[in-house]
Amino acid sequence: MWLAALFGMATKYSEGLLAVKYREHDEKTGHVLGGPFYYIEKGMGPKWKWLACLFAFFGVLVGLLGIGTFTQVNSICGSFNTFFKSYIDTANVHNFTILGNSYSCATIFGSIVLAILVGMVVIGGLKRIAAVSEKVIPLMVILYVAFSLVLIGYNLDAVPKAIATIVKSAFGWQAAAGGVVGAIIAAMQKGIARGIFSNEAGLGSAPIAAAAAQTKEPVRQGLVSMTGTFLDTIIVCSMTGIALTMTNQPISAESFKGVSELYSANAASGAAATMKAFAVGIPFLPAIVTDALVMICLVLFGFTTILGWDYYSERCLEYLTKGKMGPVIAYRWLYIVAVFIGPYMTISCVWGIADIVNGLMAVPNMIALIALAGVVTYETKDYFRRLKAGEIAE
């Protein structure tokens, strides 16, 4: 995950720079449009428009089937289930059978409420998405970082051992299934996949948002974009990883399909393991308090990601339909339906679909970043030359 973030910072820099350089204003919708489909078409030339359309198509799929809906909703409802099973006597609570599978009241209630809340926001369009996100995101980041720092600070003596465990496990220095090489490959596969899932470096989603930045200097936006990757993955995600490791919380094999031998039989799902880690790591607070705070953070992280990916995928669809809003409005309702059905899918299915569509979306974008590397180099040198000469303010 750390390696994915370090390399991803360079990728995010290029994406942010190119997004601002090749963006354009749509007079019909009033939107600032930019992202891989524009820097592919305008930077690589009209003959590559097919690649831009391919990226936009995969972007719609990622929003509808990948990061945007299934994975987030599954995680949110998983945290609901963990919390309510821990503090509510479920022995006499009726479960519902849907398509041969049993689901708790928490899952069904969560899916309905979440679909309604998402619908209330996305039907209102970009302005409502922005209004909700700008209020929720700072709150959730501050809450989660503060909470994580309390856990790490209280168990400071366990941090060196946790770091050592991470390094030893990653490089196969501990006994692991499949031998040393198998352990390293498993760590690389899951770490890179989850790292990209976290910071979205290389996927091409970030430049869609970066294009709307209020700056005339592409390099400045590139620097801002790469800073976001550092804060998101190197800082915030590492806090979760260290918390899990220092409190000795194994993750379930289902969460990491294909490396089941690396995890104990009594391991918990991602949400449950995170809740348990904070409860164990902060013993001076009642477990219900730590569980509630972690659940709130997970719900807010997931909810804002759902909203963000609706925005990304709508911009992709606008590009494909040449700005026609009819298909976009229909897509919003389809998006709400996908949010509703997300909790009823298995974790392995959810992550399998997400990883596939993520990879498909990344391929056209990475081709463009490699092809336009010369443009990135030129713009960077020119910016710092002008900055040094005093032609632009710092």
Foldseek 3Di string as FASTA:
>chain_A
DVVLLVVLLVLLLLFLLLFQVQWDADPVVRDTFGWLLRCQPPVVHVVRNVLSLLLLVLLLCCCQQALQAQVLLQLLLVLQVLLCVVPPPCPPFDWDADPRDTHGPSSQVSLVVLLVVLLVQPLVPDVSLVVVCVVLVVVLVVLLLVLLCVLCVLVVVLQVVLVVVVVCQCQQVDDAPPGRVVSVVLCVVVVNLVLCSFLVRLLTLVSRVSNRDPDNASSVSSNVRSVVSCCGCVNRVVSQSSLLRSQVAFAACLLRPPRRRRTDPPHYHPSNSSLVSSCSSCVVDPSSVSSVSSSVSSSSVSSSSNSSSLSSSLSSVCVVVVNDCPVNSVSSVSSSVSNSCSNVDGSNVRNVSNSVSSVSSSVSSVVSCVVCVVVSVVSVVVVVVCVVVVVDDD
